[in-house]
């Protein structure tokens, strides 16, 4: 998505998603994705970013292929960006504004704090996946 200003004069940030197509050793195909949605814009801009990502994933995933990913959505439960991924049928779990989502796979999410090591300004989310 391109840079552009929002109606309230804040500058929106260009954002992308990283997407990997993988095959597990036991033959399961999956799309893995990660993103960081805009923090400086309004909720409607993040919803448009989520819509672009969801549409891209939908265009790439084969029927019944697992789609697993997430990141810093800068959105809380009920916000438009989160609901856009839910509308695609993804199960989501979070810690505040960070989310992990799964489609066609069981994703178990836990907060992880190992020996108090802080890797960033956000809690570390760990997901276990079952196909």
Protein backbone atom coordinates (compact mmCIF):
# COMPACT_ATOMS: atom_id res chain seq x y z
CA UNK A 1 0.00 0.00 0.00
CA UNK A 2 1.28 3.44 -0.82
CA UNK A 3 2.08 6.32 1.51
CA UNK A 4 -0.72 8.81 1.88
CA UNK A 5 -2.04 11.18 4.50
CA UNK A 6 -5.09 10.47 6.57
CA UNK A 7 -7.99 12.85 7.00
CA UNK A 8 -6.72 14.03 10.39
CA UNK A 9 -3.34 15.00 8.92
CA UNK A 10 -1.39 12.02 10.27
CA UNK A 11 0.90 10.31 7.80
CA UNK A 12 0.15 6.70 7.08
CA UNK A 13 3.03 4.31 6.76
CA UNK A 14 3.58 1.89 3.89
CA UNK A 15 3.30 -1.68 5.13
CA UNK A 16 3.82 -5.09 3.63
CA UNK A 17 3.53 -8.69 4.69
CA UNK A 18 6.11 -11.42 4.39
CA UNK A 19 4.60 -14.65 3.04
CA UNK A 20 6.29 -18.05 2.84
CA UNK A 21 4.93 -21.14 1.14
CA UNK A 22 6.17 -24.26 2.92
CA UNK A 23 5.68 -28.01 2.86
CA UNK A 24 6.21 -29.82 6.15
CA UNK A 25 8.24 -33.06 6.21
CA UNK A 26 4.99 -35.01 6.50
CA UNK A 27 3.56 -33.35 3.37
CA UNK A 28 1.30 -30.56 4.69
CA UNK A 29 1.34 -27.36 2.65
CA UNK A 30 1.03 -24.04 4.46
CA UNK A 31 1.27 -20.33 3.84
CA UNK A 32 3.07 -18.55 6.68
CA UNK A 33 2.74 -14.79 6.96
CA UNK A 34 3.87 -11.91 9.16
CA UNK A 35 3.03 -8.21 9.17
CA UNK A 36 3.14 -5.00 11.18
CA UNK A 37 0.14 -2.77 10.52
CA UNK A 38 0.32 0.99 10.81
CA UNK A 39 0.47 2.45 14.30
CA UNK A 40 0.00 6.11 13.39
CA UNK A 41 -3.15 5.92 11.35
CA UNK A 42 -6.78 5.41 12.22
CA UNK A 43 -8.57 2.08 12.52
CA UNK A 44 -10.00 2.32 8.98
CA UNK A 45 -6.50 2.48 7.46
CA UNK A 46 -5.43 -0.65 9.37
CA UNK A 47 -8.62 -2.34 8.17
CA UNK A 48 -7.63 -1.54 4.57
CA UNK A 49 -4.15 -2.94 5.21
CA UNK A 50 -5.68 -6.12 6.71
CA UNK A 51 -8.04 -6.36 3.74
CA UNK A 52 -5.12 -6.21 1.29
CA UNK A 53 -3.27 -8.94 3.20
CA UNK A 54 -6.35 -11.18 3.54
CA UNK A 55 -7.13 -10.79 -0.16
CA UNK A 56 -3.55 -11.65 -1.09
CA UNK A 57 -3.57 -14.75 1.13
CA UNK A 58 -6.94 -15.83 -0.27
CA UNK A 59 -5.60 -15.53 -3.83
CA UNK A 60 -2.54 -17.67 -3.01
CA UNK A 61 -3.86 -20.39 -0.69
CA UNK A 62 -5.09 -23.64 -2.19
CA UNK A 63 -8.42 -24.98 -0.90
CA UNK A 64 -7.91 -26.47 2.59
CA UNK A 65 -4.27 -25.26 2.70
CA UNK A 66 -3.21 -24.09 6.15
CA UNK A 67 -2.68 -20.34 6.48
CA UNK A 68 -0.81 -19.34 9.64
CA UNK A 69 0.55 -15.97 10.62
CA UNK A 70 0.04 -12.65 12.27
CA UNK A 71 2.10 -9.93 13.85
CA UNK A 72 1.65 -6.51 15.36
CA UNK A 73 -1.78 -5.53 14.05
CA UNK A 74 -1.92 -2.45 16.30
CA UNK A 75 -5.52 -3.52 16.86
CA UNK A 76 -7.49 -4.89 19.75
CA UNK A 77 -10.33 -7.41 19.80
CA UNK A 78 -13.31 -6.04 17.90
CA UNK A 79 -11.29 -3.59 15.77
CA UNK A 80 -11.91 -3.71 12.04
CA UNK A 81 -8.50 -5.18 11.13
CA UNK A 82 -8.96 -8.12 13.51
CA UNK A 83 -12.53 -8.67 12.33
CA UNK A 84 -11.35 -8.74 8.69
CA UNK A 85 -9.16 -11.76 9.41
CA UNK A 86 -11.99 -13.38 11.38
CA UNK A 87 -14.28 -12.85 8.37
CA UNK A 88 -11.89 -15.07 6.40
CA UNK A 89 -12.52 -17.83 8.94
CA UNK A 90 -9.24 -17.43 10.79
CA UNK A 91 -9.02 -18.30 14.47
CA UNK A 92 -7.08 -15.57 16.27
CA UNK A 93 -5.37 -15.30 19.62
CA UNK A 94 -3.54 -12.30 21.00
CA UNK A 95 -1.58 -10.47 23.63
CA UNK A 96 -2.85 -6.89 23.46
CA UNK A 97 -2.14 -5.74 19.87
CA UNK A 98 -0.10 -8.74 18.67
CA UNK A 99 -2.01 -11.57 17.01
CA UNK A 100 -1.48 -15.05 15.63
CA UNK A 101 -4.06 -16.45 13.25
CA UNK A 102 -4.72 -19.88 11.80
CA UNK A 103 -6.93 -21.19 9.02
CA UNK A 104 -7.29 -24.91 8.29
CA UNK A 105 -4.93 -25.69 11.18
CA UNK A 106 -5.21 -25.77 14.95
CA UNK A 107 -3.07 -23.02 16.43
CA UNK A 108 -2.45 -22.99 20.18
CA UNK A 109 -1.05 -19.66 21.36
CA UNK A 110 0.82 -18.96 24.59
CA UNK A 111 2.61 -15.95 26.00
CA UNK A 112 6.24 -16.82 26.53
CA UNK A 113 8.60 -15.15 28.96
CA UNK A 114 11.78 -17.15 29.29
CA UNK A 115 13.96 -16.10 32.19
CA UNK A 116 12.76 -12.51 31.87
CA UNK A 117 14.55 -12.04 28.55
CA UNK A 118 12.83 -9.28 26.63
CA UNK A 119 13.27 -9.52 22.87
CA UNK A 120 11.23 -6.41 22.04
CA UNK A 121 8.74 -3.99 23.55
CA UNK A 122 6.00 -6.61 23.04
CA UNK A 123 5.35 -9.94 24.76
CA UNK A 124 6.62 -12.95 22.83
CA UNK A 125 3.80 -15.07 21.41
CA UNK A 126 4.53 -18.73 20.71
CA UNK A 127 2.22 -20.85 18.58
CA UNK A 128 2.02 -24.60 18.33
CA UNK A 129 0.41 -25.82 15.11
CA UNK A 130 -1.40 -29.07 14.36
CA UNK A 131 -2.51 -29.96 10.85
